[in-house]
C-alpha cells in the first residue's frame, strides 16, 4: 500500500492499493475512490466485535475497500477540520486511541476495544473510559481536530493533559484521570474538574483543538429559534 496525506488543516489521506490489498474504514470516512474500487460493509471480527464497537458510539459495520482489475485509489477524511497521522504497527506493538480518532487501516491491522481498569478513568474519563486498541502489522490512520502534538515520554515522566485533548498513546504509557486541583482550582480555573495524566515511557499524541470546544465556540453564531415562533433569529 502506498499513501499520501494532502492538505493543511482539512487533510485527507489517499491510499493506492494493489488488487490483493484491502483497507477498512469507519462508515462515512470515504471521500472518493477510483472507478474500479469495490467497497463492502462488514462486521469485522464478527458480531461480538461489532457490538463492542457500538458501545463506543462507532458504527457496527466497518467498510472494506479493495480494487478490481488493477491498482485503485481511495481517499478518506475526518468528520471535522483537522489533521491525519499514520500509525505504523508491528508485532508486539499496541497503540491506544480515543473514541472517534480511528479513520482507516490496512487489513492486517486489528481494531479492538481497550477497557480502562482504573476507577478514576472509569468514573470520570468520559470518552477515555472506553478506548480503541490498534495492533497487528501494517499502517493505521487516525484523525485529530486541529494539529497533532507528539511527545515522547521518558520512564516515569508525566504529562497532565486536558482529557478532550488526548488522542492516543503507546500501550506502555500509564493512563489515569485525576482531580485538576483543589476546590477553588476545580471551580474557577476553567480547566474542568478532572484532568488526564499520562506517564511514560512511550509516545503520546495530543490535539490542539477538541470538537466540543469548537462546537461551543461556533454555537453562538448559529441561528436560534425564537420562543413561541416558528421563525429564526440571528445573534
Protein backbone atom coordinates (compact mmCIF):
# COMPACT_ATOMS: atom_id res chain seq x y z
CA UNK A 1 0.00 0.00 0.00
CA UNK A 2 1.17 3.50 -0.88
CA UNK A 3 -0.40 6.58 0.67
CA UNK A 4 -0.30 10.37 0.55
CA UNK A 5 -1.68 12.84 3.08
CA UNK A 6 -2.71 16.15 1.50
CA UNK A 7 -3.96 19.44 2.88
CA UNK A 8 -3.11 21.51 5.91
CA UNK A 9 -5.92 21.61 8.49
CA UNK A 10 -8.51 19.91 6.31
CA UNK A 11 -6.49 16.84 5.45
CA UNK A 12 -7.38 13.68 3.56
CA UNK A 13 -5.32 10.51 3.11
CA UNK A 14 -5.28 8.85 -0.30
CA UNK A 15 -4.20 5.21 -0.47
CA UNK A 16 -3.10 3.35 -3.59
CA UNK A 17 -3.91 -0.36 -3.44
CA UNK A 18 -2.82 -3.35 -5.46
CA UNK A 19 -5.52 -5.91 -6.42
CA UNK A 20 -4.59 -8.15 -3.47
CA UNK A 21 -4.65 -5.32 -0.93
CA UNK A 22 -7.54 -4.02 1.17
CA UNK A 23 -8.16 -1.26 3.69
CA UNK A 24 -11.11 -0.83 6.01
CA UNK A 25 -12.52 2.43 7.32
CA UNK A 26 -15.15 3.90 9.59
CA UNK A 27 -18.54 4.29 7.92
CA UNK A 28 -18.75 7.67 6.20
CA UNK A 29 -14.97 8.30 6.12
CA UNK A 30 -14.61 7.78 2.36
CA UNK A 31 -14.19 10.96 0.28
CA UNK A 32 -13.71 9.42 -3.17
CA UNK A 33 -12.46 6.26 -4.92
CA UNK A 34 -11.33 5.23 -8.37
CA UNK A 35 -13.94 3.58 -10.56
CA UNK A 36 -12.56 0.07 -10.02
CA UNK A 37 -12.75 0.20 -6.23
CA UNK A 38 -15.32 -2.02 -4.58
CA UNK A 39 -16.47 -1.38 -1.02
CA UNK A 40 -18.46 -3.62 1.25
CA UNK A 41 -19.73 -3.05 4.82
CA UNK A 42 -18.70 -5.87 7.14
CA UNK A 43 -18.78 -6.57 10.87
CA UNK A 44 -15.03 -7.16 11.05
CA UNK A 45 -14.18 -9.66 13.76
CA UNK A 46 -17.73 -10.96 13.91
CA UNK A 47 -20.93 -9.91 15.67
CA UNK A 48 -19.33 -9.55 19.11
CA UNK A 49 -16.68 -7.11 17.92
CA UNK A 50 -19.37 -5.22 16.03
CA UNK A 51 -21.41 -4.91 19.21
CA UNK A 52 -18.33 -3.81 21.14
CA UNK A 53 -17.77 -1.05 18.59
CA UNK A 54 -21.35 0.10 19.12
CA UNK A 55 -20.53 0.59 22.81
CA UNK A 56 -18.03 3.28 21.85
CA UNK A 57 -20.60 5.07 19.69
CA UNK A 58 -18.96 3.84 16.48
CA UNK A 59 -20.72 2.04 13.66
CA UNK A 60 -21.48 -1.69 13.90
CA UNK A 61 -20.07 -2.17 10.39
CA UNK A 62 -16.71 -1.11 9.00
CA UNK A 63 -16.37 -0.64 5.24
CA UNK A 64 -13.77 -2.69 3.34
CA UNK A 65 -12.22 -1.24 0.15
CA UNK A 66 -10.39 -3.31 -2.48
CA UNK A 67 -9.63 -2.67 -6.20
CA UNK A 68 -10.65 -4.89 -9.09
CA UNK A 69 -8.62 -5.44 -12.27
CA UNK A 70 -5.62 -3.34 -11.33
CA UNK A 71 -4.47 -0.66 -8.94
CA UNK A 72 -7.08 1.51 -7.26
CA UNK A 73 -7.32 4.69 -5.22
CA UNK A 74 -9.41 5.54 -2.16
CA UNK A 75 -9.35 8.74 -0.10
CA UNK A 76 -10.56 9.22 3.47
CA UNK A 77 -11.13 12.24 5.70
CA UNK A 78 -12.25 13.05 9.22
CA UNK A 79 -15.62 14.46 10.32
CA UNK A 80 -14.19 17.83 11.45
CA UNK A 81 -11.37 20.21 10.46
CA UNK A 82 -8.10 18.58 11.44
CA UNK A 83 -5.08 16.51 10.54
CA UNK A 84 -4.30 12.87 9.84
CA UNK A 85 -1.39 10.81 11.15
CA UNK A 86 -0.15 7.34 10.13
CA UNK A 87 0.45 4.86 12.97
CA UNK A 88 2.89 2.10 11.94
CA UNK A 89 2.30 -1.16 13.79
CA UNK A 90 4.45 -4.26 14.23
CA UNK A 91 4.16 -7.48 16.26
CA UNK A 92 4.16 -6.71 19.99
CA UNK A 93 3.31 -3.03 19.49
CA UNK A 94 -0.09 -1.72 20.53
CA UNK A 95 -1.43 1.81 20.31
CA UNK A 96 -4.49 3.15 22.14
CA UNK A 97 -6.68 5.87 20.65
CA UNK A 98 -9.64 7.85 21.87
CA UNK A 99 -13.13 7.29 20.52
CA UNK A 100 -13.62 8.79 17.04
CA UNK A 101 -9.86 9.02 16.33
CA UNK A 102 -9.66 5.92 14.12
CA UNK A 103 -10.02 6.64 10.40
CA UNK A 104 -8.84 3.63 8.37
CA UNK A 105 -6.24 0.85 8.32
CA UNK A 106 -4.72 -1.94 6.29
CA UNK A 107 -6.44 -5.33 6.55
CA UNK A 108 -3.56 -6.71 8.67
CA UNK A 109 -4.26 -4.18 11.46
CA UNK A 110 -6.57 -5.25 14.28
CA UNK A 111 -9.06 -2.79 15.80
CA UNK A 112 -10.48 -3.69 19.20
CA UNK A 113 -11.59 -2.13 22.48
CA UNK A 114 -9.31 -1.46 25.43
CA UNK A 115 -11.17 -1.15 28.73
CA UNK A 116 -9.66 1.10 31.36
CA UNK A 117 -9.26 -0.73 34.65
CA UNK A 118 -8.56 2.20 36.96
CA UNK A 119 -11.55 3.56 38.87
CA UNK A 120 -10.69 7.19 38.14
CA UNK A 121 -10.64 6.58 34.39
CA UNK A 122 -13.84 4.56 34.55
CA UNK A 123 -15.82 7.14 36.52
CA UNK A 124 -14.55 10.41 35.11
CA UNK A 125 -12.80 9.68 31.85
CA UNK A 126 -15.77 10.24 29.58
CA UNK A 127 -14.54 9.09 26.18
CA UNK A 128 -11.38 7.87 27.93
CA UNK A 129 -13.35 5.14 29.71
CA UNK A 130 -13.56 3.03 26.55
CA UNK A 131 -10.57 3.26 24.23
CA UNK A 132 -9.81 1.64 20.89
CA UNK A 133 -6.73 -0.56 20.56
CA UNK A 134 -4.69 -0.89 17.36
CA UNK A 135 -2.41 -3.91 16.96
CA UNK A 136 -1.06 -6.31 14.35
CA UNK A 137 1.11 -5.28 11.40
CA UNK A 138 0.80 -2.52 8.84
CA UNK A 139 -0.39 1.07 8.99
CA UNK A 140 -3.45 2.66 10.55
CA UNK A 141 -4.51 6.28 10.15
CA UNK A 142 -6.01 8.41 12.89
CA UNK A 143 -7.60 11.86 12.81
CA UNK A 144 -7.33 14.77 15.24
CA UNK A 145 -9.16 18.09 15.45
CA UNK A 146 -6.64 20.85 14.76
CA UNK A 147 -2.98 19.81 14.73
CA UNK A 148 -1.18 16.87 16.31
CA UNK A 149 1.28 17.40 19.16
CA UNK A 150 3.66 14.45 19.63
CA UNK A 151 5.61 13.94 22.86
CA UNK A 152 7.99 11.10 23.72
CA UNK A 153 7.77 10.46 27.45
CA UNK A 154 10.75 9.06 29.32
CA UNK A 155 10.25 6.38 32.00
CA UNK A 156 8.43 8.00 34.92
CA UNK A 157 7.85 11.29 33.10
CA UNK A 158 4.26 12.54 33.48
CA UNK A 159 2.20 14.99 31.47
CA UNK A 160 -1.11 16.43 32.66
CA UNK A 161 -3.47 16.96 29.74
CA UNK A 162 -6.98 18.23 29.18
CA UNK A 163 -8.94 14.99 28.76
CA UNK A 164 -10.56 16.07 25.49
CA UNK A 165 -7.15 16.95 24.05
CA UNK A 166 -5.72 13.43 24.30
CA UNK A 167 -5.79 11.43 21.07
CA UNK A 168 -3.61 8.34 21.57
CA UNK A 169 -0.57 6.77 23.20
CA UNK A 170 1.63 3.70 23.23
CA UNK A 171 0.30 0.87 25.37
CA UNK A 172 3.40 1.27 27.57
CA UNK A 173 2.05 4.63 28.77
CA UNK A 174 0.09 4.61 32.04
CA UNK A 175 -3.22 6.47 31.87
CA UNK A 176 -5.44 7.82 34.64
CA UNK A 177 -7.90 10.59 35.45
CA UNK A 178 -7.22 12.85 38.45
CA UNK A 179 -8.77 15.94 40.01
CA UNK A 180 -7.49 19.11 38.39
CA UNK A 181 -6.63 20.57 41.82
CA UNK A 182 -8.27 21.91 44.94
CA UNK A 183 -11.88 23.08 45.09
CA UNK A 184 -11.01 26.63 44.01
CA UNK A 185 -9.00 25.39 41.03
CA UNK A 186 -11.68 22.91 40.02
CA UNK A 187 -14.47 25.50 40.17
CA UNK A 188 -12.85 28.65 38.79
CA UNK A 189 -9.82 27.75 36.65
CA UNK A 190 -11.93 26.91 33.60
CA UNK A 191 -9.92 23.71 33.10
CA UNK A 192 -12.69 21.36 34.25
CA UNK A 193 -12.99 19.14 37.30
CA UNK A 194 -10.69 16.37 36.12
CA UNK A 195 -7.54 16.06 34.07
CA UNK A 196 -5.78 13.19 32.31
CA UNK A 197 -2.34 12.07 33.49
CA UNK A 198 -0.06 10.17 31.10
CA UNK A 199 3.12 8.60 32.45
CA UNK A 200 5.94 7.19 30.30
CA UNK A 201 7.71 5.51 28.78
CA UNK A 202 6.11 5.88 25.39
CA UNK A 203 4.78 8.24 22.76
CA UNK A 204 1.64 10.30 23.30
CA UNK A 205 -0.38 12.21 20.72
CA UNK A 206 -2.43 15.28 21.61
CA UNK A 207 -4.67 17.54 19.54
CA UNK A 208 -4.51 21.33 19.52
CA UNK A 209 -8.30 21.66 19.48
CA UNK A 210 -11.17 19.45 20.59
CA UNK A 211 -14.52 19.05 18.91
CA UNK A 212 -16.66 20.04 21.91
CA UNK A 213 -14.84 23.36 22.34
CA UNK A 214 -15.09 24.02 18.60
CA UNK A 215 -18.84 23.36 18.71
CA UNK A 216 -19.25 25.65 21.72
CA UNK A 217 -17.32 28.45 20.01
CA UNK A 218 -19.48 28.18 16.88
CA UNK A 219 -22.82 27.75 18.63
CA UNK A 220 -23.33 31.45 19.33
CA UNK A 221 -23.12 32.20 15.61
CA UNK A 222 -25.78 29.66 14.66
CA UNK A 223 -29.40 30.71 14.07
CA UNK A 224 -31.63 30.28 17.11
CA UNK A 225 -35.36 29.59 17.14
CA UNK A 226 -37.37 32.27 18.91
CA UNK A 227 -39.69 31.16 21.71
CA UNK A 228 -43.28 30.77 20.52
CA UNK A 229 -42.34 31.32 16.91
CA UNK A 230 -41.51 29.05 14.01
CA UNK A 231 -39.13 31.63 12.59
CA UNK A 232 -35.41 32.04 13.26
CA UNK A 233 -33.44 34.92 14.59
CA UNK A 234 -29.72 35.59 14.45
CA UNK A 235 -27.45 36.73 17.25
